[in-house]
Amino acid sequence: MRLTMPRFAGEPQFDRLPVQILRCSADTPPNDRIYAQGQICRTDGQVFARIWTFESAPAPQVCLVAAFAANGRTVEARAAAGGETALLLNGVPAEGKLTAYLFSGEDLQGVFWGAVLAIDAAAFFETLGADPAHPEGAIGANLLRIGGSVSALAPQGAYVPIE
C-alpha cells in the first residue's frame, strides 16, 4: 500500500488526491461491514484528513479518526456523527488546534457522511518530532471509522508509513 501526503500551496484539492479504502477485519460478518474511504494532504498551515463512510443513519457516537505516529508520539483527530470533535496530542486534549466539519450526500455508491479534519501543522509536526520539510518515511498514519464494526486503513493501533 502506498500512502502519500501531498502538499498544496493553497486550499486542498481533494478531487486530485488518491483515495484510500478503509477495510473491515475478515472476522466482521459481511452484513456488518461498513465501506469507508479516506484521504490525507497538507498545506503550510494545516494537515488534512478527509474520511467518509457509506451508511445512511450512523449512531451519534460513531467516530471518524485520523491517527498519526512518529518517534513514539501520536496525534489523533476525531469527529463523531453527533458533531463532537477532539484532537489529542500524545493523548492530551488540545484546544484550538483542530478545525473540523461534517458533510453528507449521495452518489452512485450510496448514501454517505464524513468529516474533514484540519490539524494545525505546527502543532502536528512539533508533537510528532518530525521535520515539516521532509516528513516522508518518518510518520505513520491510520484512518478509521469506529463504532460497532471498525473500518480502517490498517488494524487499530497500527500505522501505514507515509512515503
C-alpha atoms as a PDB file:
ATOM      1  CA  MET A   1       0.000   0.000   0.000  1.00  0.00           C
ATOM      2  CA  ARG A   2       1.340   3.419  -0.927  1.00  0.00           C
ATOM      3  CA  LEU A   3       0.281   6.303   1.313  1.00  0.00           C
ATOM      4  CA  THR A   4       1.327   9.828   0.452  1.00  0.00           C
ATOM      5  CA  MET A   5       0.627  13.247   1.983  1.00  0.00           C
ATOM      6  CA  PRO A   6       0.567  15.635  -0.984  1.00  0.00           C
ATOM      7  CA  ARG A   7       1.277  19.295  -0.266  1.00  0.00           C
ATOM      8  CA  PHE A   8      -0.874  22.095  -1.665  1.00  0.00           C
ATOM      9  CA  ALA A   9       0.116  25.768  -1.827  1.00  0.00           C
ATOM     10  CA  GLY A  10      -3.473  26.872  -1.141  1.00  0.00           C
ATOM     11  CA  GLU A  11      -6.688  25.069  -0.282  1.00  0.00           C
ATOM     12  CA  PRO A  12      -6.524  21.280  -0.661  1.00  0.00           C
ATOM     13  CA  GLN A  13      -7.944  19.894  -3.872  1.00  0.00           C
ATOM     14  CA  PHE A  14      -9.477  16.654  -2.642  1.00  0.00           C
ATOM     15  CA  ASP A  15     -10.609  15.670  -6.145  1.00  0.00           C
ATOM     16  CA  ARG A  16      -6.927  15.381  -7.140  1.00  0.00           C
ATOM     17  CA  LEU A  17      -5.935  13.141  -4.203  1.00  0.00           C
ATOM     18  CA  PRO A  18      -5.674   9.355  -4.146  1.00  0.00           C
ATOM     19  CA  VAL A  19      -8.437   7.642  -2.176  1.00  0.00           C
ATOM     20  CA  GLN A  20      -7.578   5.014   0.425  1.00  0.00           C
ATOM     21  CA  ILE A  21     -10.026   2.174   1.081  1.00  0.00           C
ATOM     22  CA  LEU A  22     -10.778   1.500   4.755  1.00  0.00           C
ATOM     23  CA  ARG A  23     -11.492  -2.180   5.293  1.00  0.00           C
ATOM     24  CA  CYS A  24     -13.158  -4.246   7.997  1.00  0.00           C
ATOM     25  CA  SER A  25     -11.340  -7.187   9.540  1.00  0.00           C
ATOM     26  CA  ALA A  26     -12.066 -10.565   7.984  1.00  0.00           C
ATOM     27  CA  ASP A  27     -13.870 -11.725  11.140  1.00  0.00           C
ATOM     28  CA  THR A  28     -16.528  -8.996  10.744  1.00  0.00           C
ATOM     29  CA  PRO A  29     -19.736 -10.591   9.393  1.00  0.00           C
ATOM     30  CA  PRO A  30     -20.400  -9.394   5.805  1.00  0.00           C
ATOM     31  CA  ASN A  31     -23.698  -7.700   6.721  1.00  0.00           C
ATOM     32  CA  ASP A  32     -21.953  -5.675   9.466  1.00  0.00           C
ATOM     33  CA  ARG A  33     -19.179  -4.304   7.271  1.00  0.00           C
ATOM     34  CA  ILE A  34     -19.172  -0.567   6.620  1.00  0.00           C
ATOM     35  CA  TYR A  35     -17.492   0.681   3.446  1.00  0.00           C
ATOM     36  CA  ALA A  36     -15.349   3.763   4.093  1.00  0.00           C
ATOM     37  CA  GLN A  37     -12.669   5.786   2.333  1.00  0.00           C
ATOM     38  CA  GLY A  38     -10.144   8.447   3.279  1.00  0.00           C
ATOM     39  CA  GLN A  39      -7.531  10.912   2.068  1.00  0.00           C
ATOM     40  CA  ILE A  40      -4.733  12.936   3.648  1.00  0.00           C
ATOM     41  CA  CYS A  41      -2.819  16.002   2.483  1.00  0.00           C
ATOM     42  CA  ARG A  42      -1.279  19.164   3.832  1.00  0.00           C
ATOM     43  CA  THR A  43      -0.738  22.844   3.284  1.00  0.00           C
ATOM     44  CA  ASP A  44       1.836  25.032   5.020  1.00  0.00           C
ATOM     45  CA  GLY A  45      -0.666  25.733   7.795  1.00  0.00           C
ATOM     46  CA  GLN A  46      -2.677  22.532   8.202  1.00  0.00           C
ATOM     47  CA  VAL A  47      -2.632  18.757   7.867  1.00  0.00           C
ATOM     48  CA  PHE A  48      -5.926  17.466   6.457  1.00  0.00           C
ATOM     49  CA  ALA A  49      -7.720  14.141   6.699  1.00  0.00           C
ATOM     50  CA  ARG A  50     -10.969  13.602   4.844  1.00  0.00           C
ATOM     51  CA  ILE A  51     -12.855  10.423   5.764  1.00  0.00           C
ATOM     52  CA  TRP A  52     -16.277   9.314   4.597  1.00  0.00           C
ATOM     53  CA  THR A  53     -18.366   6.237   5.179  1.00  0.00           C
ATOM     54  CA  PHE A  54     -21.299   4.757   3.312  1.00  0.00           C
ATOM     55  CA  GLU A  55     -24.089   4.482   5.853  1.00  0.00           C
ATOM     56  CA  SER A  56     -27.321   6.427   5.950  1.00  0.00           C
ATOM     57  CA  ALA A  57     -28.038   6.717   9.677  1.00  0.00           C
ATOM     58  CA  PRO A  58     -24.911   6.309  11.815  1.00  0.00           C
ATOM     59  CA  ALA A  59     -25.282   6.287  15.589  1.00  0.00           C
ATOM     60  CA  PRO A  60     -24.230   9.661  17.082  1.00  0.00           C
ATOM     61  CA  GLN A  61     -21.202   8.073  18.782  1.00  0.00           C
ATOM     62  CA  VAL A  62     -19.731   6.611  15.553  1.00  0.00           C
ATOM     63  CA  CYS A  63     -16.366   8.357  15.026  1.00  0.00           C
ATOM     64  CA  LEU A  64     -14.110   9.049  12.088  1.00  0.00           C
ATOM     65  CA  VAL A  65     -10.486   9.135  13.254  1.00  0.00           C
ATOM     66  CA  ALA A  66      -7.203  10.256  11.684  1.00  0.00           C
ATOM     67  CA  ALA A  67      -4.312   8.860  13.731  1.00  0.00           C
ATOM     68  CA  PHE A  68      -0.641   9.642  13.160  1.00  0.00           C
ATOM     69  CA  ALA A  69       2.513   8.415  14.912  1.00  0.00           C
ATOM     70  CA  ALA A  70       6.247   9.131  14.807  1.00  0.00           C
ATOM     71  CA  ASN A  71       9.118   8.856  17.263  1.00  0.00           C
ATOM     72  CA  GLY A  72       6.870   7.230  19.890  1.00  0.00           C
ATOM     73  CA  ARG A  73       4.484  10.196  19.768  1.00  0.00           C
ATOM     74  CA  THR A  74       0.900  10.437  18.492  1.00  0.00           C
ATOM     75  CA  VAL A  75      -1.611  12.863  17.020  1.00  0.00           C
ATOM     76  CA  GLU A  76      -5.261  11.799  16.841  1.00  0.00           C
ATOM     77  CA  ALA A  77      -8.106  13.869  15.398  1.00  0.00           C
ATOM     78  CA  ARG A  78     -11.688  12.646  15.565  1.00  0.00           C
ATOM     79  CA  ALA A  79     -15.197  13.694  14.648  1.00  0.00           C
ATOM     80  CA  ALA A  80     -18.341  11.881  15.776  1.00  0.00           C
ATOM     81  CA  ALA A  81     -21.519  11.613  13.726  1.00  0.00           C
ATOM     82  CA  GLY A  82     -23.222  13.528  16.548  1.00  0.00           C
ATOM     83  CA  GLY A  83     -20.919  16.523  15.927  1.00  0.00           C
ATOM     84  CA  GLU A  84     -18.350  16.206  18.736  1.00  0.00           C
ATOM     85  CA  THR A  85     -14.714  16.699  17.746  1.00  0.00           C
ATOM     86  CA  ALA A  86     -11.427  16.222  19.565  1.00  0.00           C
ATOM     87  CA  LEU A  87      -7.701  16.494  18.968  1.00  0.00           C
ATOM     88  CA  LEU A  88      -5.298  14.519  21.156  1.00  0.00           C
ATOM     89  CA  LEU A  89      -1.594  15.347  21.083  1.00  0.00           C
ATOM     90  CA  ASN A  90       0.262  12.478  22.780  1.00  0.00           C
ATOM     91  CA  GLY A  91      -3.043  11.532  24.401  1.00  0.00           C
ATOM     92  CA  VAL A  92      -3.650  15.021  25.836  1.00  0.00           C
ATOM     93  CA  PRO A  93      -6.650  17.056  24.580  1.00  0.00           C
ATOM     94  CA  ALA A  94      -5.602  20.164  22.637  1.00  0.00           C
ATOM     95  CA  GLU A  95      -7.918  23.136  22.219  1.00  0.00           C
ATOM     96  CA  GLY A  96      -7.866  25.480  19.239  1.00  0.00           C
ATOM     97  CA  LYS A  97      -5.647  23.271  17.051  1.00  0.00           C
ATOM     98  CA  LEU A  98      -8.391  21.412  15.123  1.00  0.00           C
ATOM     99  CA  THR A  99     -10.941  22.678  12.649  1.00  0.00           C
ATOM    100  CA  ALA A 100     -13.490  20.088  11.560  1.00  0.00           C
ATOM    101  CA  TYR A 101     -16.753  19.848   9.701  1.00  0.00           C
ATOM    102  CA  LEU A 102     -19.171  17.077   8.814  1.00  0.00           C
ATOM    103  CA  PHE A 103     -20.674  16.532   5.371  1.00  0.00           C
ATOM    104  CA  SER A 104     -23.188  14.137   3.844  1.00  0.00           C
ATOM    105  CA  GLY A 105     -24.582  13.254   0.455  1.00  0.00           C
ATOM    106  CA  GLU A 106     -25.409  10.552  -2.019  1.00  0.00           C
ATOM    107  CA  ASP A 107     -23.660   9.290  -5.133  1.00  0.00           C
ATOM    108  CA  LEU A 108     -23.647   6.162  -7.289  1.00  0.00           C
ATOM    109  CA  GLN A 109     -22.134   4.163  -4.396  1.00  0.00           C
ATOM    110  CA  GLY A 110     -24.900   5.152  -1.966  1.00  0.00           C
ATOM    111  CA  VAL A 111     -25.668   7.466   0.933  1.00  0.00           C
ATOM    112  CA  PHE A 112     -22.614   8.697   2.855  1.00  0.00           C
ATOM    113  CA  TRP A 113     -21.456  11.011   5.612  1.00  0.00           C
ATOM    114  CA  GLY A 114     -17.992  12.135   6.503  1.00  0.00           C
ATOM    115  CA  ALA A 115     -15.689  14.669   8.073  1.00  0.00           C
ATOM    116  CA  VAL A 116     -12.822  16.915   7.087  1.00  0.00           C
ATOM    117  CA  LEU A 117     -10.316  17.256   9.920  1.00  0.00           C
ATOM    118  CA  ALA A 118      -7.781  20.103   9.649  1.00  0.00           C
ATOM    119  CA  ILE A 119      -4.968  19.930  12.219  1.00  0.00           C
ATOM    120  CA  ASP A 120      -2.685  22.896  12.886  1.00  0.00           C
ATOM    121  CA  ALA A 121       0.528  21.934  11.037  1.00  0.00           C
ATOM    122  CA  ALA A 122       2.927  23.492  13.563  1.00  0.00           C
ATOM    123  CA  ALA A 123       1.339  21.538  16.440  1.00  0.00           C
ATOM    124  CA  PHE A 124       1.211  18.378  14.298  1.00  0.00           C
ATOM    125  CA  PHE A 125       4.898  18.333  13.315  1.00  0.00           C
ATOM    126  CA  GLU A 126       6.127  19.579  16.699  1.00  0.00           C
ATOM    127  CA  THR A 127       4.150  16.891  18.550  1.00  0.00           C
ATOM    128  CA  LEU A 128       5.455  14.128  16.274  1.00  0.00           C
ATOM    129  CA  GLY A 129       9.026  15.478  16.317  1.00  0.00           C
ATOM    130  CA  ALA A 130       9.040  15.377  12.509  1.00  0.00           C
ATOM    131  CA  ASP A 131      10.635  17.784  10.053  1.00  0.00           C
ATOM    132  CA  PRO A 132       7.829  19.545   8.127  1.00  0.00           C
ATOM    133  CA  ALA A 133      10.147  19.919   5.119  1.00  0.00           C
ATOM    134  CA  HIS A 134      10.789  16.150   4.905  1.00  0.00           C
ATOM    135  CA  PRO A 135       8.121  14.135   6.788  1.00  0.00           C
ATOM    136  CA  GLU A 136       8.209  11.199   4.364  1.00  0.00           C
ATOM    137  CA  GLY A 137       9.256   7.951   5.961  1.00  0.00           C
ATOM    138  CA  ALA A 138       9.104   9.392   9.463  1.00  0.00           C
ATOM    139  CA  ILE A 139       5.330   9.462  10.018  1.00  0.00           C
ATOM    140  CA  GLY A 140       2.785   6.658  10.005  1.00  0.00           C
ATOM    141  CA  ALA A 141      -0.952   7.160   9.554  1.00  0.00           C
ATOM    142  CA  ASN A 142      -4.194   5.301  10.044  1.00  0.00           C
ATOM    143  CA  LEU A 143      -7.705   6.370   9.061  1.00  0.00           C
ATOM    144  CA  LEU A 144     -10.588   4.702  10.859  1.00  0.00           C
ATOM    145  CA  ARG A 145     -14.347   4.538  11.204  1.00  0.00           C
ATOM    146  CA  ILE A 146     -15.039   3.337  14.749  1.00  0.00           C
ATOM    147  CA  GLY A 147     -18.365   2.273  16.245  1.00  0.00           C
ATOM    148  CA  GLY A 148     -19.939  -1.171  16.027  1.00  0.00           C
ATOM    149  CA  SER A 149     -17.717  -2.580  13.318  1.00  0.00           C
ATOM    150  CA  VAL A 150     -14.385  -0.901  12.551  1.00  0.00           C
ATOM    151  CA  SER A 151     -13.279   0.070   9.050  1.00  0.00           C
ATOM    152  CA  ALA A 152      -9.615   1.049   8.887  1.00  0.00           C
ATOM    153  CA  LEU A 153      -6.635   1.596   6.638  1.00  0.00           C
ATOM    154  CA  ALA A 154      -4.587  -0.638   8.996  1.00  0.00           C
ATOM    155  CA  PRO A 155      -5.567  -2.603  12.102  1.00  0.00           C
ATOM    156  CA  GLN A 156      -6.319  -0.434  15.143  1.00  0.00           C
ATOM    157  CA  GLY A 157      -3.068   0.611  16.804  1.00  0.00           C
ATOM    158  CA  ALA A 158      -1.084   0.068  13.583  1.00  0.00           C
ATOM    159  CA  TYR A 159       0.110   2.699  11.118  1.00  0.00           C
ATOM    160  CA  VAL A 160       0.911   2.781   7.414  1.00  0.00           C
ATOM    161  CA  PRO A 161       4.144   4.693   6.632  1.00  0.00           C
ATOM    162  CA  ILE A 162       3.730   7.894   4.643  1.00  0.00           C
ATOM    163  CA  GLU A 163       6.117   7.772   1.684  1.00  0.00           C
END
